[in-house]
Amino acid sequence: MHKFDTKVQLIKYKVLKEVARLAWEDSLLENVTEIPVTLAPGKIPTMRCCVYKERAILAERVRLAVGGNRHNRKVIQVIGIACEDCPAGGYEVTSACRGCLAHRCEEACKKEAISFDRQQKAYIDKTKCVECGACAKACPYTAIHNYKRPCEQSCKVKAISMGKDKEAVIDYEKCIACGACVYTCPFGAITDRSYILDVIDMILKSKQNTEYNVYALIAPSVAGQFPYVRIGQVITGIKELGFKGVAEVARGADMVAWEESRELEERGFLTSSCCPAFVSYVEKNFPQLTEHISNRLSPAGTIAKYLKEREPSCKTVFIGPCTAKKTEFQRAEYAGLIDSVITFEELQALFDSKDIELERLAETPIEDASPYGRRFARSGGVAEAVTRSLEERGSGFEVNAISCSGIEECRAALLRASKGVLNANFIEGMACPEGCVGGAGCLIHSEKSRAEVDAYGEAAEKRTISEVQP
């Protein structure tokens, strides 16, 4: 049986499943307002003060599950009414304060925000505090703690702050849609908008008029995401949903590595273009380095282009772990290539909305990619594939790569590159820790994910990158 890391994911899944079920039955419009009543209480945990608030929050989840406001195309959105019970945030004095005589915290504070009660216990005046943290650094008992909300802590680009009503606010000028806040929020108050209805609509229309076929582009990070079945059964399940066929994005990765190796050799210094959140981070924070981003499309865009060149009328849907992909397919360079994006969470909801039992299905083999393309899903895989491509092409160019796992490592490498002191000629940037296997849209975030991807790579019948080139 499938499982989720948290009950927040379970709630999200149940909403998506119900929306999808009604959409398949063509009865969503007349029943969409009943979904919150159907689901709460009973079928999902009730955590609020009353069932009425629970239903109001569920109504917002349903709104985003059906696509949200079509005029607001931002992928990561806050459900304000669900954002509650987190500490207001900032520096606060804990019970560890011993009321010492030194008062180093007071001396360190330039804003005179520290005072003391009769027991000499410190107190911070929030009207004066500027959250500089000097008092916390000075305290010998580490009794002053910086209470940040989980979403703020997880956002490494500092795109989240508190609004006037203490709800989370996203600064979209900084946000890279990595989804770290979505996965981290304990109340599910931040979520990614869903395109699941668009996908169902495409499939249903393809069956009605046969003007086009719909193909699924499955990310290599699928390895380990459905541990109760084999990957071949997942592929069969996808076809049972109505997709004409399934293409490995890993083959697109092989194609990218082949061309990117040539590009690196020609240009001398390059950053990868595979992770849309990383690309967005470079564009927003290191614009002087954008000229060094690889000109290659991402693996998903590359395999989509390959399919559309052979069947121009077809539709393509990326299925993977990445919320940032929901921004990527909206970019101009991907227009007409990737038609929609769903996550593994949404794929599981689709399976169950049609009562598809994967464990009962036969396996459909899929052998489009090399081990190197499949290993793109974890940190270090891109650099390995680019290096291997140069070797297979007989190039003497020497790759000196740095593989960055998570935005903080990306920032450090890009900062050194911007100052001309980076000892590397290729930056592999992955916004999520460990790469795509750590994506916000994963069903499971496990320490075994990297090993699962490596095993999936080793199982590939094609052994070289060159043999899978078009």
Protein backbone atom coordinates (compact mmCIF):
# COMPACT_ATOMS: atom_id res chain seq x y z
CA MET A 1 0.00 0.00 0.00
CA HIS A 2 1.28 3.48 -0.79
CA LYS A 3 2.24 5.80 2.00
CA PHE A 4 3.10 9.43 2.59
CA ASP A 5 5.70 11.14 4.75
CA THR A 6 3.14 13.28 6.57
CA LYS A 7 -0.58 13.62 7.19
CA VAL A 8 -0.45 16.96 5.36
CA GLN A 9 0.41 15.04 2.20
CA LEU A 10 -2.43 12.63 2.96
CA ILE A 11 -4.95 15.48 3.16
CA LYS A 12 -3.66 16.97 -0.09
CA TYR A 13 -3.87 13.57 -1.76
CA LYS A 14 -7.46 12.99 -0.63
CA VAL A 15 -8.56 16.35 -2.03
CA LEU A 16 -6.80 15.70 -5.34
CA LYS A 17 -8.22 12.20 -5.54
CA GLU A 18 -11.79 13.43 -5.01
CA VAL A 19 -11.39 16.26 -7.53
CA ALA A 20 -9.98 13.82 -10.09
CA ARG A 21 -12.71 11.24 -9.47
CA LEU A 22 -15.45 13.78 -10.14
CA ALA A 23 -13.60 15.08 -13.20
CA TRP A 24 -13.39 11.60 -14.75
CA GLU A 25 -17.14 11.26 -14.14
CA ASP A 26 -17.80 14.72 -15.65
CA SER A 27 -19.66 15.72 -12.48
CA LEU A 28 -17.12 18.10 -10.92
CA LEU A 29 -19.00 21.34 -11.57
CA GLU A 30 -22.14 20.32 -9.76
CA ASN A 31 -20.29 18.61 -6.89
CA VAL A 32 -17.14 20.68 -6.30
CA THR A 33 -18.64 22.63 -3.39
CA GLU A 34 -19.58 19.38 -1.64
CA ILE A 35 -16.02 18.07 -1.49
CA PRO A 36 -15.12 19.90 1.78
CA VAL A 37 -18.28 18.57 3.42
CA THR A 38 -17.56 15.07 2.16
CA LEU A 39 -13.99 15.04 3.42
CA ALA A 40 -14.33 16.75 6.81
CA PRO A 41 -14.67 15.45 9.38
CA GLY A 42 -14.06 11.72 9.28
CA LYS A 43 -12.04 10.99 6.17
CA ILE A 44 -9.18 13.31 7.10
CA PRO A 45 -7.79 14.43 10.46
CA THR A 46 -9.58 17.41 12.01
CA MET A 47 -7.05 19.78 13.62
CA ARG A 48 -8.94 23.07 13.87
CA CYS A 49 -11.20 24.65 16.42
CA CYS A 50 -14.31 23.42 14.63
CA VAL A 51 -15.40 21.47 11.59
CA TYR A 52 -16.62 24.66 9.92
CA LYS A 53 -13.13 26.13 9.80
CA GLU A 54 -11.82 22.79 8.58
CA ARG A 55 -14.30 22.88 5.74
CA ALA A 56 -13.39 26.47 4.87
CA ILE A 57 -9.73 25.46 4.63
CA LEU A 58 -10.63 22.41 2.57
CA ALA A 59 -12.58 24.67 0.22
CA GLU A 60 -9.35 26.60 -0.39
CA ARG A 61 -7.47 23.35 -0.98
CA VAL A 62 -10.11 22.33 -3.49
CA ARG A 63 -9.84 25.71 -5.23
CA LEU A 64 -6.11 25.19 -5.80
CA ALA A 65 -6.62 21.54 -6.71
CA VAL A 66 -8.90 22.57 -9.58
CA GLY A 67 -6.36 25.10 -10.81
CA GLY A 68 -7.00 28.14 -8.65
CA ASN A 69 -7.37 31.63 -10.06
CA ARG A 70 -6.40 31.34 -13.71
CA HIS A 71 -5.25 34.96 -13.68
CA ASN A 72 -2.75 34.17 -10.92
CA ARG A 73 -0.27 31.75 -12.43
CA LYS A 74 2.02 31.63 -9.39
CA VAL A 75 2.66 28.01 -8.53
CA ILE A 76 3.38 28.28 -4.80
CA GLN A 77 0.49 29.87 -2.91
CA VAL A 78 -0.50 30.48 0.71
CA ILE A 79 -3.82 29.37 2.16
CA GLY A 80 -4.12 32.25 4.62
CA ILE A 81 -6.89 30.77 6.74
CA ALA A 82 -4.79 27.64 7.34
CA CYS A 83 -1.69 29.56 8.44
CA GLU A 84 -1.89 29.46 12.22
CA ASP A 85 -0.39 28.31 15.50
CA CYS A 86 3.20 29.01 14.45
CA PRO A 87 5.23 31.20 16.80
CA ALA A 88 5.22 34.85 15.77
CA GLY A 89 8.92 34.48 15.15
CA GLY A 90 12.03 36.37 16.04
CA TYR A 91 14.35 36.36 19.03
CA GLU A 92 12.86 35.46 22.39
CA VAL A 93 14.32 34.78 25.83
CA THR A 94 13.79 31.20 26.96
CA SER A 95 13.59 29.67 30.43
CA ALA A 96 17.31 28.95 30.17
CA CYS A 97 18.00 32.56 31.16
CA ARG A 98 19.73 32.44 34.57
CA GLY A 99 19.34 36.09 35.45
CA CYS A 100 23.12 36.53 35.51
CA LEU A 101 24.94 39.68 36.58
CA ALA A 102 26.98 40.15 33.41
CA HIS A 103 24.02 41.22 31.23
CA ARG A 104 26.07 40.69 28.08
CA CYS A 105 22.83 40.58 26.08
CA GLU A 106 22.02 44.14 27.18
CA GLU A 107 25.48 45.38 26.25
CA ALA A 108 25.26 43.76 22.82
CA CYS A 109 21.90 45.31 21.94
CA LYS A 110 22.35 48.62 20.09
CA LYS A 111 18.62 49.35 20.13
CA GLU A 112 18.15 49.18 23.92
CA ALA A 113 15.52 46.49 23.46
CA ILE A 114 16.65 44.38 26.44
CA SER A 115 15.35 44.95 29.96
CA PHE A 116 15.18 42.83 33.12
CA ASP A 117 12.56 41.83 35.66
CA ARG A 118 13.03 41.62 39.43
CA GLN A 119 14.75 38.26 39.13
CA GLN A 120 17.12 39.81 36.55
CA LYS A 121 15.62 37.64 33.82
CA ALA A 122 15.97 39.28 30.41
CA TYR A 123 13.03 40.51 28.36
CA ILE A 124 13.01 41.68 24.72
CA ASP A 125 10.87 44.68 23.72
CA LYS A 126 9.62 43.68 20.25
CA THR A 127 8.78 47.29 19.40
CA LYS A 128 12.50 48.11 19.53
CA CYS A 129 14.05 44.80 18.42
CA VAL A 130 15.40 44.68 14.86
CA GLU A 131 16.11 40.92 14.97
CA CYS A 132 19.86 41.40 14.53
CA GLY A 133 20.69 38.45 16.81
CA ALA A 134 23.50 40.20 18.68
CA CYS A 135 21.94 39.36 22.05
CA ALA A 136 21.70 35.66 21.18
CA LYS A 137 25.36 35.56 20.21
CA ALA A 138 26.37 37.29 23.44
CA CYS A 139 24.39 35.12 25.87
CA PRO A 140 26.70 32.60 27.62
CA TYR A 141 23.75 30.28 28.28
CA THR A 142 22.39 30.39 24.69
CA ALA A 143 19.13 31.35 26.39
CA ILE A 144 17.95 33.58 23.55
CA HIS A 145 16.52 31.66 20.65
CA ASN A 146 15.50 32.75 17.18
CA TYR A 147 12.05 31.29 16.60
CA LYS A 148 11.48 31.06 12.87
CA ARG A 149 8.49 29.44 11.28
CA PRO A 150 9.21 26.15 9.51
CA CYS A 151 8.42 27.74 6.15
CA GLU A 152 10.88 30.59 6.80
CA GLN A 153 13.57 28.15 7.91
CA SER A 154 13.11 25.97 4.85
CA CYS A 155 13.19 28.88 2.38
CA LYS A 156 16.85 29.36 1.57
CA VAL A 157 16.15 32.29 -0.75
CA LYS A 158 14.42 34.28 2.02
CA ALA A 159 11.20 34.65 0.04
CA ILE A 160 8.86 34.13 3.01
CA SER A 161 7.93 36.67 5.65
CA MET A 162 4.97 37.36 7.94
CA GLY A 163 2.05 39.48 6.76
CA LYS A 164 0.11 41.98 8.85
CA ASP A 165 -2.20 39.22 10.08
CA LYS A 166 0.80 37.00 10.89
CA GLU A 167 0.15 34.72 7.91
CA ALA A 168 2.99 33.70 5.60
CA VAL A 169 3.63 35.99 2.64
CA ILE A 170 5.64 34.96 -0.42
CA ASP A 171 7.88 37.45 -2.20
CA TYR A 172 7.62 36.20 -5.76
CA GLU A 173 10.55 38.36 -6.81
CA LYS A 174 12.69 36.00 -4.73
CA CYS A 175 10.70 32.75 -4.90
CA ILE A 176 12.13 30.03 -7.17
CA ALA A 177 9.16 27.64 -6.71
CA CYS A 178 11.35 24.88 -5.27
CA GLY A 179 8.50 23.88 -2.95
CA ALA A 180 10.59 23.48 0.20
CA CYS A 181 8.00 25.50 2.12
CA VAL A 182 5.19 23.33 0.72
CA TYR A 183 6.75 20.17 2.06
CA THR A 184 7.84 21.73 5.37
CA CYS A 185 4.68 23.56 6.52
CA PRO A 186 3.15 21.45 9.33
CA PHE A 187 -0.35 22.78 8.60
CA GLY A 188 -0.27 22.50 4.82
CA ALA A 189 -0.89 26.25 4.64
CA ILE A 190 1.45 26.60 1.66
CA THR A 191 0.75 24.47 -1.35
CA ASP A 192 1.38 24.20 -5.07
CA ARG A 193 -1.45 24.79 -7.50
CA SER A 194 -2.49 21.73 -9.45
CA TYR A 195 -2.91 21.18 -13.17
CA ILE A 196 -4.48 17.77 -12.64
CA LEU A 197 -7.75 18.84 -14.30
CA ASP A 198 -5.90 20.01 -17.40
CA VAL A 199 -4.29 16.59 -17.68
CA ILE A 200 -7.60 14.76 -17.27
CA ASP A 201 -9.17 17.07 -19.86
CA MET A 202 -6.38 16.33 -22.34
CA ILE A 203 -6.77 12.58 -21.86
CA LEU A 204 -10.56 12.65 -22.21
CA LYS A 205 -10.42 14.79 -25.35
CA SER A 206 -7.78 12.54 -26.91
CA LYS A 207 -10.17 9.62 -26.51
CA GLN A 208 -13.14 11.51 -27.94
CA ASN A 209 -11.71 12.91 -31.15
CA THR A 210 -8.38 11.09 -31.64
CA GLU A 211 -6.87 14.31 -33.00
CA TYR A 212 -3.86 13.87 -30.75
CA ASN A 213 -2.22 11.43 -28.38
CA VAL A 214 -1.09 12.27 -24.84
CA TYR A 215 2.33 11.08 -23.72
CA ALA A 216 3.67 10.94 -20.16
CA LEU A 217 7.23 12.04 -19.52
CA ILE A 218 8.30 10.15 -16.42
CA ALA A 219 11.19 11.50 -14.36
CA PRO A 220 13.97 9.08 -13.34
CA SER A 221 13.34 9.96 -9.68
CA VAL A 222 10.33 7.63 -9.96
CA ALA A 223 12.73 5.01 -8.62
CA GLY A 224 11.75 4.34 -5.02
CA GLN A 225 8.61 6.49 -5.09
CA PHE A 226 6.21 3.55 -5.41
CA PRO A 227 7.96 0.98 -3.20
CA TYR A 228 4.99 -1.37 -3.09
CA VAL A 229 5.25 -2.10 -6.85
CA ARG A 230 7.83 -2.31 -9.64
CA ILE A 231 8.50 0.56 -12.02
CA GLY A 232 7.12 -1.48 -14.92
CA GLN A 233 3.78 -1.67 -13.10
CA VAL A 234 3.79 2.11 -12.62
CA ILE A 235 4.31 2.50 -16.37
CA THR A 236 1.37 0.19 -17.05
CA GLY A 237 -0.73 2.18 -14.59
CA ILE A 238 0.07 5.41 -16.41
CA LYS A 239 -1.11 3.88 -19.67
CA GLU A 240 -4.25 2.66 -17.91
CA LEU A 241 -5.02 6.30 -17.13
CA GLY A 242 -5.29 6.94 -20.85
CA PHE A 243 -1.79 8.03 -21.85
CA LYS A 244 -0.82 6.73 -25.28
CA GLY A 245 2.72 6.06 -24.17
CA VAL A 246 5.41 6.79 -21.60
CA ALA A 247 8.82 8.28 -22.37
CA GLU A 248 11.78 8.32 -20.02
CA VAL A 249 12.92 11.82 -19.17
CA ALA A 250 16.22 10.09 -18.48
CA ARG A 251 16.67 9.73 -22.24
CA GLY A 252 16.24 13.49 -22.49
CA ALA A 253 18.95 13.69 -19.82
CA ASP A 254 21.26 11.60 -22.00
CA MET A 255 20.58 13.93 -24.92
CA VAL A 256 21.23 16.99 -22.74
CA ALA A 257 24.49 15.58 -21.38
CA TRP A 258 25.72 14.79 -24.90
CA GLU A 259 25.11 18.34 -26.16
CA GLU A 260 26.06 20.03 -22.89
CA SER A 261 29.46 18.35 -22.98
CA ARG A 262 30.06 19.86 -26.41
CA GLU A 263 28.86 23.24 -25.16
CA LEU A 264 31.16 23.08 -22.14
CA GLU A 265 34.12 22.25 -24.36
CA GLU A 266 33.34 25.20 -26.63
CA ARG A 267 32.64 27.77 -23.91
CA GLY A 268 35.07 26.68 -21.19
CA PHE A 269 32.77 27.40 -18.25
CA LEU A 270 29.13 26.40 -17.79
CA THR A 271 26.34 25.93 -15.27
CA SER A 272 23.71 23.24 -15.79
CA SER A 273 20.19 24.05 -16.99
CA CYS A 274 18.41 20.91 -15.76
CA CYS A 275 16.89 22.25 -12.53
CA PRO A 276 14.37 25.05 -13.17
CA ALA A 277 14.59 26.29 -9.58
CA PHE A 278 18.38 26.59 -9.90
CA VAL A 279 18.04 28.45 -13.22
CA SER A 280 15.56 30.83 -11.61
CA TYR A 281 17.91 31.32 -8.65
CA VAL A 282 20.79 32.30 -10.94
CA GLU A 283 18.58 34.68 -12.91
CA LYS A 284 17.29 36.41 -9.77
CA ASN A 285 20.43 36.47 -7.65
CA PHE A 286 23.40 36.25 -9.99
CA PRO A 287 22.24 37.91 -13.23
CA GLN A 288 25.85 38.47 -14.24
CA LEU A 289 26.22 34.68 -14.55
CA THR A 290 23.12 34.00 -16.67
CA GLU A 291 25.26 34.06 -19.81
CA HIS A 292 27.01 30.97 -18.47
CA ILE A 293 23.81 28.91 -18.03
CA SER A 294 23.73 26.09 -20.56
CA ASN A 295 21.62 26.83 -23.64
CA ARG A 296 20.21 23.29 -23.50
CA LEU A 297 16.60 22.74 -22.57
CA SER A 298 16.02 20.66 -19.46
CA PRO A 299 15.77 16.86 -19.93
CA ALA A 300 11.96 17.12 -19.81
CA GLY A 301 11.93 19.85 -22.44
CA THR A 302 14.40 17.94 -24.59
CA ILE A 303 12.45 14.69 -24.66
CA ALA A 304 9.22 16.62 -25.21
CA LYS A 305 10.77 18.38 -28.20
CA TYR A 306 11.97 15.02 -29.54
CA LEU A 307 8.43 13.61 -29.37
CA LYS A 308 6.81 16.67 -30.93
CA GLU A 309 9.22 16.69 -33.84
CA ARG A 310 7.98 13.19 -34.68
CA GLU A 311 4.33 13.71 -33.80
CA PRO A 312 3.54 17.46 -33.90
CA SER A 313 -0.06 17.08 -32.75
CA CYS A 314 0.76 15.15 -29.58
CA LYS A 315 0.46 16.47 -26.02
CA THR A 316 3.06 15.87 -23.33
CA VAL A 317 2.76 15.78 -19.54
CA PHE A 318 5.78 15.80 -17.27
CA ILE A 319 5.39 13.60 -14.17
CA GLY A 320 7.98 14.02 -11.46
CA PRO A 321 8.99 15.35 -8.06
CA CYS A 322 9.31 19.00 -8.99
CA THR A 323 7.01 21.93 -8.21
CA ALA A 324 9.36 24.26 -10.11
CA LYS A 325 8.52 22.34 -13.29
CA LYS A 326 5.11 23.98 -13.02
CA THR A 327 6.85 27.29 -13.66
CA GLU A 328 9.25 25.90 -16.26
CA PHE A 329 6.56 24.84 -18.73
CA GLN A 330 5.19 28.40 -18.61
CA ARG A 331 8.52 29.85 -19.84
CA ALA A 332 8.66 31.04 -23.43
CA GLU A 333 11.33 28.54 -24.50
CA TYR A 334 9.10 25.64 -23.44
CA ALA A 335 5.93 26.90 -25.10
CA GLY A 336 4.39 24.15 -27.19
CA LEU A 337 6.78 21.51 -25.83
CA ILE A 338 5.51 20.57 -22.36
CA ASP A 339 1.74 20.91 -22.16
CA SER A 340 1.29 20.27 -18.44
CA VAL A 341 3.01 19.10 -15.28
CA ILE A 342 1.95 16.95 -12.34
CA THR A 343 3.88 15.61 -9.37
CA PHE A 344 4.19 12.07 -8.06
CA GLU A 345 1.69 13.07 -5.36
CA GLU A 346 -0.82 13.95 -8.06
CA LEU A 347 -0.04 10.79 -10.04
CA GLN A 348 -0.93 8.67 -7.01
CA ALA A 349 -4.21 10.58 -6.68
CA LEU A 350 -4.95 9.90 -10.36
CA PHE A 351 -4.31 6.18 -9.96
CA ASP A 352 -6.66 5.93 -7.00
CA SER A 353 -9.31 8.16 -8.54
CA LYS A 354 -9.75 5.45 -11.18
CA ASP A 355 -9.28 2.56 -8.73
CA ILE A 356 -6.15 1.39 -10.54
CA GLU A 357 -4.40 -1.18 -8.35
CA LEU A 358 -0.81 -1.09 -9.52
CA GLU A 359 0.16 -4.28 -7.70
CA ARG A 360 -2.29 -6.24 -9.87
CA LEU A 361 -0.91 -4.96 -13.17
CA ALA A 362 1.58 -6.60 -15.49
CA GLU A 363 4.84 -4.78 -16.11
CA THR A 364 5.45 -2.62 -19.18
CA PRO A 365 9.16 -2.48 -19.95
CA ILE A 366 10.74 0.90 -20.57
CA GLU A 367 14.30 1.02 -21.87
CA ASP A 368 14.92 4.43 -23.38
CA ALA A 369 17.90 5.64 -21.36
CA SER A 370 21.41 4.88 -20.18
CA PRO A 371 22.48 4.55 -16.54
CA TYR A 372 23.92 8.06 -16.74
CA GLY A 373 20.64 9.65 -17.84
CA ARG A 374 18.77 7.89 -15.06
CA ARG A 375 21.28 9.11 -12.48
CA PHE A 376 20.44 12.73 -13.33
CA ALA A 377 17.84 12.32 -10.58
CA ARG A 378 20.38 12.60 -7.80
CA SER A 379 23.13 15.05 -6.98
CA GLY A 380 26.29 14.39 -8.96
CA GLY A 381 24.51 12.64 -11.81
CA VAL A 382 24.66 15.54 -14.26
CA ALA A 383 28.39 16.04 -13.81
CA GLU A 384 29.00 12.31 -14.23
CA ALA A 385 26.99 12.22 -17.46
CA VAL A 386 28.71 15.28 -18.95
CA THR A 387 32.12 13.81 -18.11
CA ARG A 388 31.12 10.46 -19.62
CA SER A 389 29.83 12.17 -22.78
CA LEU A 390 33.18 13.86 -23.34
CA GLU A 391 34.92 10.52 -22.91
CA GLU A 392 32.60 8.77 -25.37
CA ARG A 393 33.13 11.56 -27.91
CA GLY A 394 36.89 11.12 -27.58
CA SER A 395 37.39 14.65 -26.32
CA GLY A 396 40.47 15.57 -24.35
CA PHE A 397 38.66 18.34 -22.48
CA GLU A 398 39.02 17.91 -18.72
CA VAL A 399 35.91 18.53 -16.62
CA ASN A 400 36.44 20.05 -13.21
CA ALA A 401 32.89 19.94 -11.86
CA ILE A 402 31.29 21.00 -8.61
CA SER A 403 27.99 19.33 -7.74
CA CYS A 404 25.76 21.47 -5.53
CA SER A 405 23.12 19.77 -3.42
CA GLY A 406 20.62 22.37 -2.23
CA ILE A 407 20.44 26.14 -2.67
CA GLU A 408 22.99 26.93 0.04
CA GLU A 409 25.69 24.96 -1.79
CA CYS A 410 24.56 26.55 -5.06
CA ARG A 411 24.88 30.01 -3.53
CA ALA A 412 28.41 29.33 -2.30
CA ALA A 413 29.59 28.08 -5.71
CA LEU A 414 27.90 30.89 -7.64
CA LEU A 415 29.32 33.50 -5.29
CA ARG A 416 32.85 32.22 -5.87
CA ALA A 417 32.20 32.06 -9.61
CA SER A 418 30.93 35.66 -9.63
CA LYS A 419 34.19 36.76 -7.99
CA GLY A 420 36.31 34.68 -10.37
CA VAL A 421 37.72 32.44 -7.65
CA LEU A 422 35.82 29.19 -8.28
CA ASN A 423 38.13 26.26 -8.91
CA ALA A 424 35.75 24.55 -11.33
CA ASN A 425 34.58 24.88 -14.92
CA PHE A 426 31.16 23.25 -14.53
CA ILE A 427 28.53 23.93 -11.86
CA GLU A 428 25.85 21.29 -11.45
CA GLY A 429 23.10 23.10 -9.57
CA MET A 430 20.28 21.27 -7.79
CA ALA A 431 17.93 23.39 -5.67
CA CYS A 432 16.66 20.43 -3.62
CA PRO A 433 18.95 18.56 -1.22
CA GLU A 434 20.31 15.43 -2.93
CA GLY A 435 18.77 16.59 -6.20
CA CYS A 436 15.43 15.60 -7.68
CA VAL A 437 15.05 12.75 -5.20
CA GLY A 438 14.48 15.45 -2.59
CA GLY A 439 11.81 17.28 -4.58
CA ALA A 440 8.74 18.68 -2.84
CA GLY A 441 6.38 16.62 -5.02
CA CYS A 442 7.85 13.27 -3.97
CA LEU A 443 5.63 10.77 -2.22
CA ILE A 444 8.52 9.65 -0.07
CA HIS A 445 11.63 11.47 1.07
CA SER A 446 14.02 8.73 2.09
CA GLU A 447 17.72 8.29 2.72
CA LYS A 448 17.46 5.29 0.39
CA SER A 449 16.31 7.40 -2.58
CA ARG A 450 19.81 7.94 -3.94
CA ALA A 451 20.52 4.21 -3.79
CA GLU A 452 17.19 3.48 -5.51
CA VAL A 453 18.10 5.80 -8.38
CA ASP A 454 21.55 4.23 -8.72
CA ALA A 455 19.98 0.76 -8.83
CA TYR A 456 17.50 1.97 -11.47
CA GLY A 457 20.43 3.26 -13.47
CA GLU A 458 22.33 0.00 -13.25
CA ALA A 459 19.25 -1.87 -14.48
CA ALA A 460 19.34 0.00 -17.81
CA GLU A 461 19.99 -2.25 -20.81
CA LYS A 462 21.63 0.52 -22.82
CA ARG A 463 25.05 1.10 -21.33
CA THR A 464 26.38 4.20 -23.10
CA ILE A 465 25.11 7.71 -23.68
CA SER A 466 26.02 7.67 -27.35
CA GLU A 467 23.76 4.73 -28.21
CA VAL A 468 20.60 6.50 -27.07
CA GLN A 469 21.21 9.65 -29.11
CA PRO A 470 18.58 10.28 -31.84
